[in-house]
PDB file of N, CA and C in Angstrom:
ATOM      1  N   MET A   1     -28.138  -1.587  15.413  1.00  0.00           N
ATOM      2  CA  MET A   1     -28.698  -1.515  14.595  1.00  0.00           C
ATOM      3  C   MET A   1     -30.036  -1.196  14.923  1.00  0.00           C
ATOM      4  N   ILE A   2     -30.507  -2.389  15.741  1.00  0.00           N
ATOM      5  CA  ILE A   2     -31.952  -2.103  16.468  1.00  0.00           C
ATOM      6  C   ILE A   2     -31.901  -0.750  17.582  1.00  0.00           C
ATOM      7  N   GLN A   3     -30.444  -0.133  17.884  1.00  0.00           N
ATOM      8  CA  GLN A   3     -30.549   1.515  18.758  1.00  0.00           C
ATOM      9  C   GLN A   3     -30.390   2.499  17.330  1.00  0.00           C
ATOM     10  N   LYS A   4     -30.151   2.021  16.283  1.00  0.00           N
ATOM     11  CA  LYS A   4     -30.517   3.312  15.032  1.00  0.00           C
ATOM     12  C   LYS A   4     -32.292   3.352  14.994  1.00  0.00           C
ATOM     13  N   ILE A   5     -32.847   2.135  14.835  1.00  0.00           N
ATOM     14  CA  ILE A   5     -34.030   1.722  14.192  1.00  0.00           C
ATOM     15  C   ILE A   5     -34.815   3.167  15.342  1.00  0.00           C
ATOM     16  N   ARG A   6     -34.100   2.368  16.640  1.00  0.00           N
ATOM     17  CA  ARG A   6     -35.108   3.131  18.099  1.00  0.00           C
ATOM     18  C   ARG A   6     -34.942   4.770  17.904  1.00  0.00           C
ATOM     19  N   ASN A   7     -33.838   5.143  17.644  1.00  0.00           N
ATOM     20  CA  ASN A   7     -33.467   6.529  17.649  1.00  0.00           C
ATOM     21  C   ASN A   7     -34.109   7.034  16.371  1.00  0.00           C
ATOM     22  N   VAL A   8     -34.335   6.778  15.204  1.00  0.00           N
ATOM     23  CA  VAL A   8     -35.411   7.374  14.153  1.00  0.00           C
ATOM     24  C   VAL A   8     -36.718   7.370  14.339  1.00  0.00           C
ATOM     25  N   LEU A   9     -37.252   6.225  15.062  1.00  0.00           N
ATOM     26  CA  LEU A   9     -38.664   6.244  15.400  1.00  0.00           C
ATOM     27  C   LEU A   9     -39.133   7.432  17.206  1.00  0.00           C
ATOM     28  N   LYS A  10     -38.274   7.402  17.722  1.00  0.00           N
ATOM     29  CA  LYS A  10     -38.240   8.526  18.567  1.00  0.00           C
ATOM     30  C   LYS A  10     -38.537   9.802  18.043  1.00  0.00           C
ATOM     31  N   ARG A  11     -37.311  10.115  17.557  1.00  0.00           N
ATOM     32  CA  ARG A  11     -37.614  11.284  16.356  1.00  0.00           C
ATOM     33  C   ARG A  11     -38.330  11.729  15.549  1.00  0.00           C
ATOM     34  N   ASN A  12     -39.410  10.800  14.624  1.00  0.00           N
ATOM     35  CA  ASN A  12     -40.015  11.010  14.276  1.00  0.00           C
ATOM     36  C   ASN A  12     -41.482  11.056  15.113  1.00  0.00           C
ATOM     37  N   GLU A  13     -41.085  10.243  16.308  1.00  0.00           N
ATOM     38  CA  GLU A  13     -42.761  10.162  16.863  1.00  0.00           C
ATOM     39  C   GLU A  13     -43.309  12.491  17.832  1.00  0.00           C
ATOM     40  N   GLY A  14     -41.372  12.595  17.982  1.00  0.00           N
ATOM     41  CA  GLY A  14     -41.713  13.910  18.913  1.00  0.00           C
ATOM     42  C   GLY A  14     -42.228  14.549  17.894  1.00  0.00           C
ATOM     43  N   MET A  15     -41.811  14.971  16.101  1.00  0.00           N
ATOM     44  CA  MET A  15     -41.583  15.541  15.683  1.00  0.00           C
ATOM     45  C   MET A  15     -43.599  15.443  15.075  1.00  0.00           C
ATOM     46  N   GLY A  16     -43.850  14.291  15.284  1.00  0.00           N
ATOM     47  CA  GLY A  16     -45.183  14.063  14.791  1.00  0.00           C
ATOM     48  C   GLY A  16     -45.919  14.992  16.349  1.00  0.00           C
ATOM     49  N   VAL A  17     -45.589  15.464  17.380  1.00  0.00           N
ATOM     50  CA  VAL A  17     -46.833  15.581  18.633  1.00  0.00           C
ATOM     51  C   VAL A  17     -46.292  16.908  18.575  1.00  0.00           C
ATOM     52  N   ILE A  18     -45.297  17.168  17.985  1.00  0.00           N
ATOM     53  CA  ILE A  18     -45.057  19.059  17.961  1.00  0.00           C
ATOM     54  C   ILE A  18     -46.244  19.553  16.581  1.00  0.00           C
ATOM     55  N   GLU A  19     -45.489  18.558  15.833  1.00  0.00           N
ATOM     56  CA  GLU A  19     -46.814  19.075  14.208  1.00  0.00           C
ATOM     57  C   GLU A  19     -47.939  19.323  14.721  1.00  0.00           C
ATOM     58  N   VAL A  20     -48.776  18.484  15.779  1.00  0.00           N
ATOM     59  CA  VAL A  20     -49.886  18.095  15.933  1.00  0.00           C
ATOM     60  C   VAL A  20     -50.360  19.637  16.631  1.00  0.00           C
ATOM     61  N   ILE A  21     -49.768  19.265  17.856  1.00  0.00           N
ATOM     62  CA  ILE A  21     -50.184  20.444  18.690  1.00  0.00           C
ATOM     63  C   ILE A  21     -49.760  21.900  17.983  1.00  0.00           C
ATOM     64  N   LEU A  22     -49.165  22.167  17.345  1.00  0.00           N
ATOM     65  CA  LEU A  22     -48.701  23.662  16.588  1.00  0.00           C
ATOM     66  C   LEU A  22     -50.188  23.933  15.905  1.00  0.00           C
ATOM     67  N   ILE A  23     -50.587  22.752  14.934  1.00  0.00           N
ATOM     68  CA  ILE A  23     -51.994  22.781  14.449  1.00  0.00           C
ATOM     69  C   ILE A  23     -52.795  23.197  14.976  1.00  0.00           C
ATOM     70  N   ILE A  24     -52.555  22.328  16.209  1.00  0.00           N
ATOM     71  CA  ILE A  24     -54.383  22.860  17.513  1.00  0.00           C
ATOM     72  C   ILE A  24     -53.807  24.404  17.808  1.00  0.00           C
ATOM     73  N   VAL A  25     -52.769  25.283  17.963  1.00  0.00           N
ATOM     74  CA  VAL A  25     -52.347  26.291  18.969  1.00  0.00           C
ATOM     75  C   VAL A  25     -53.140  27.159  17.296  1.00  0.00           C
ATOM     76  N   VAL A  26     -52.482  26.815  16.089  1.00  0.00           N
ATOM     77  CA  VAL A  26     -52.748  27.380  15.163  1.00  0.00           C
ATOM     78  C   VAL A  26     -54.571  27.544  15.215  1.00  0.00           C
ATOM     79  N   LEU A  27     -55.414  26.550  15.042  1.00  0.00           N
ATOM     80  CA  LEU A  27     -56.803  26.178  14.858  1.00  0.00           C
ATOM     81  C   LEU A  27     -57.368  27.433  16.417  1.00  0.00           C
ATOM     82  N   ILE A  28     -57.055  27.174  17.343  1.00  0.00           N
ATOM     83  CA  ILE A  28     -57.546  27.964  18.548  1.00  0.00           C
ATOM     84  C   ILE A  28     -57.208  29.137  18.267  1.00  0.00           C
ATOM     85  N   GLY A  29     -56.224  29.606  17.470  1.00  0.00           N
ATOM     86  CA  GLY A  29     -55.921  30.932  17.171  1.00  0.00           C
ATOM     87  C   GLY A  29     -56.983  31.559  16.814  1.00  0.00           C
ATOM     88  N   LEU A  30     -57.136  30.518  15.516  1.00  0.00           N
ATOM     89  CA  LEU A  30     -58.078  31.214  14.538  1.00  0.00           C
ATOM     90  C   LEU A  30     -59.598  31.594  14.575  1.00  0.00           C
ATOM     91  N   VAL A  31     -60.076  30.912  15.670  1.00  0.00           N
ATOM     92  CA  VAL A  31     -61.305  30.332  16.719  1.00  0.00           C
ATOM     93  C   VAL A  31     -61.623  31.680  16.985  1.00  0.00           C
ATOM     94  N   ILE A  32     -60.204  31.938  18.211  1.00  0.00           N
ATOM     95  CA  ILE A  32     -60.653  33.050  18.499  1.00  0.00           C
ATOM     96  C   ILE A  32     -60.528  34.283  17.771  1.00  0.00           C
ATOM     97  N   ILE A  33     -59.843  34.221  17.036  1.00  0.00           N
ATOM     98  CA  ILE A  33     -59.558  35.602  16.300  1.00  0.00           C
ATOM     99  C   ILE A  33     -60.878  35.985  15.375  1.00  0.00           C
ATOM    100  N   PHE A  34     -62.059  35.027  14.785  1.00  0.00           N
ATOM    101  CA  PHE A  34     -62.682  35.022  14.285  1.00  0.00           C
ATOM    102  C   PHE A  34     -64.213  34.334  14.225  1.00  0.00           C
ATOM    103  N   LYS A  35     -64.522  34.876  16.115  1.00  0.00           N
ATOM    104  CA  LYS A  35     -64.853  33.816  17.120  1.00  0.00           C
ATOM    105  C   LYS A  35     -66.704  34.926  15.988  1.00  0.00           C
ATOM    106  N   SER A  36     -66.264  35.861  16.100  1.00  0.00           N
ATOM    107  CA  SER A  36     -67.710  36.520  15.878  1.00  0.00           C
ATOM    108  C   SER A  36     -67.899  36.724  14.900  1.00  0.00           C
ATOM    109  N   GLN A  37     -67.561  36.729  13.278  1.00  0.00           N
ATOM    110  CA  GLN A  37     -67.706  35.646  12.289  1.00  0.00           C
ATOM    111  C   GLN A  37     -68.230  34.536  12.214  1.00  0.00           C
ATOM    112  N   ILE A  38     -67.775  34.241  12.872  1.00  0.00           N
ATOM    113  CA  ILE A  38     -68.660  32.473  13.030  1.00  0.00           C
ATOM    114  C   ILE A  38     -69.851  32.515  13.407  1.00  0.00           C
ATOM    115  N   VAL A  39     -69.629  33.288  14.699  1.00  0.00           N
ATOM    116  CA  VAL A  39     -71.003  32.721  14.886  1.00  0.00           C
ATOM    117  C   VAL A  39     -72.326  33.047  14.094  1.00  0.00           C
ATOM    118  N   SER A  40     -71.834  34.577  13.927  1.00  0.00           N
ATOM    119  CA  SER A  40     -72.981  34.951  12.763  1.00  0.00           C
ATOM    120  C   SER A  40     -73.466  34.219  11.619  1.00  0.00           C
ATOM    121  N   LEU A  41     -72.229  33.600  10.842  1.00  0.00           N
ATOM    122  CA  LEU A  41     -72.102  32.572  10.075  1.00  0.00           C
ATOM    123  C   LEU A  41     -72.807  31.374  10.247  1.00  0.00           C
ATOM    124  N   VAL A  42     -72.931  30.868  11.426  1.00  0.00           N
ATOM    125  CA  VAL A  42     -73.778  29.535  11.557  1.00  0.00           C
ATOM    126  C   VAL A  42     -74.979  30.287  12.145  1.00  0.00           C
ATOM    127  N   ASN A  43     -75.152  31.367  12.981  1.00  0.00           N
ATOM    128  CA  ASN A  43     -76.936  31.712  13.684  1.00  0.00           C
ATOM    129  C   ASN A  43     -77.285  31.758  12.158  1.00  0.00           C
ATOM    130  N   ASN A  44     -76.890  32.407  10.918  1.00  0.00           N
ATOM    131  CA  ASN A  44     -77.689  32.911   9.784  1.00  0.00           C
ATOM    132  C   ASN A  44     -77.496  31.455   8.869  1.00  0.00           C
ATOM    133  N   ILE A  45     -76.629  30.792   9.143  1.00  0.00           N
ATOM    134  CA  ILE A  45     -77.329  29.498   8.061  1.00  0.00           C
ATOM    135  C   ILE A  45     -78.225  28.625   8.822  1.00  0.00           C
ATOM    136  N   LEU A  46     -78.275  28.529  10.386  1.00  0.00           N
ATOM    137  CA  LEU A  46     -79.396  28.025  10.915  1.00  0.00           C
ATOM    138  C   LEU A  46     -80.986  28.987  11.011  1.00  0.00           C
ATOM    139  N   SER A  47     -80.908  29.744  10.711  1.00  0.00           N
ATOM    140  CA  SER A  47     -81.681  30.360  10.604  1.00  0.00           C
ATOM    141  C   SER A  47     -82.630  30.559   8.876  1.00  0.00           C
ATOM    142  N   LYS A  48     -81.626  30.151   7.981  1.00  0.00           N
ATOM    143  CA  LYS A  48     -81.895  30.204   7.139  1.00  0.00           C
ATOM    144  C   LYS A  48     -82.943  28.457   6.649  1.00  0.00           C
ATOM    145  N   ILE A  49     -81.640  27.615   7.429  1.00  0.00           N
ATOM    146  CA  ILE A  49     -82.360  26.013   7.819  1.00  0.00           C
ATOM    147  C   ILE A  49     -83.851  25.904   8.350  1.00  0.00           C
ATOM    148  N   ALA A  50     -83.709  27.136   9.341  1.00  0.00           N
ATOM    149  CA  ALA A  50     -85.485  26.512   9.890  1.00  0.00           C
ATOM    150  C   ALA A  50     -86.435  27.679   9.422  1.00  0.00           C
ATOM    151  N   SER A  51     -86.045  28.904   8.104  1.00  0.00           N
ATOM    152  CA  SER A  51     -87.831  29.300   7.920  1.00  0.00           C
ATOM    153  C   SER A  51     -87.692  28.805   6.165  1.00  0.00           C
ATOM    154  N   GLN A  52     -86.551  27.589   6.141  1.00  0.00           N
ATOM    155  CA  GLN A  52     -86.894  26.655   4.525  1.00  0.00           C
ATOM    156  C   GLN A  52     -87.811  25.273   5.565  1.00  0.00           C
ATOM    157  N   ALA A  53     -87.348  24.890   6.412  1.00  0.00           N
ATOM    158  CA  ALA A  53     -87.681  24.027   6.801  1.00  0.00           C
ATOM    159  C   ALA A  53     -89.609  24.258   6.847  1.00  0.00           C
ATOM    160  N   ASN A  54     -90.114  25.484   7.767  1.00  0.00           N
ATOM    161  CA  ASN A  54     -91.190  25.553   7.820  1.00  0.00           C
ATOM    162  C   ASN A  54     -92.017  25.938   6.929  1.00  0.00           C
ATOM    163  N   SER A  55     -91.091  25.941   5.580  1.00  0.00           N
ATOM    164  CA  SER A  55     -92.087  26.231   4.438  1.00  0.00           C
ATOM    165  C   SER A  55     -92.161  24.845   3.548  1.00  0.00           C
ATOM    166  N   ILE A  56     -91.300  23.971   3.827  1.00  0.00           N
ATOM    167  CA  ILE A  56     -92.053  22.509   3.189  1.00  0.00           C
ATOM    168  C   ILE A  56     -93.491  22.141   3.471  1.00  0.00           C
TER     169      ILE A  56
END
């Protein structure tokens, strides 16, 4: 009985680690692919914030 519980826990933990690693890999890939768009978007947002902060 205890051995069965241990086997279930081992399998679930292993899948959780693999899922997290896959999600991280996909996110890193998306950042690499869309890096220039992300940088320009952030720069645009920050410049708008700065210009509106000066007008206050």
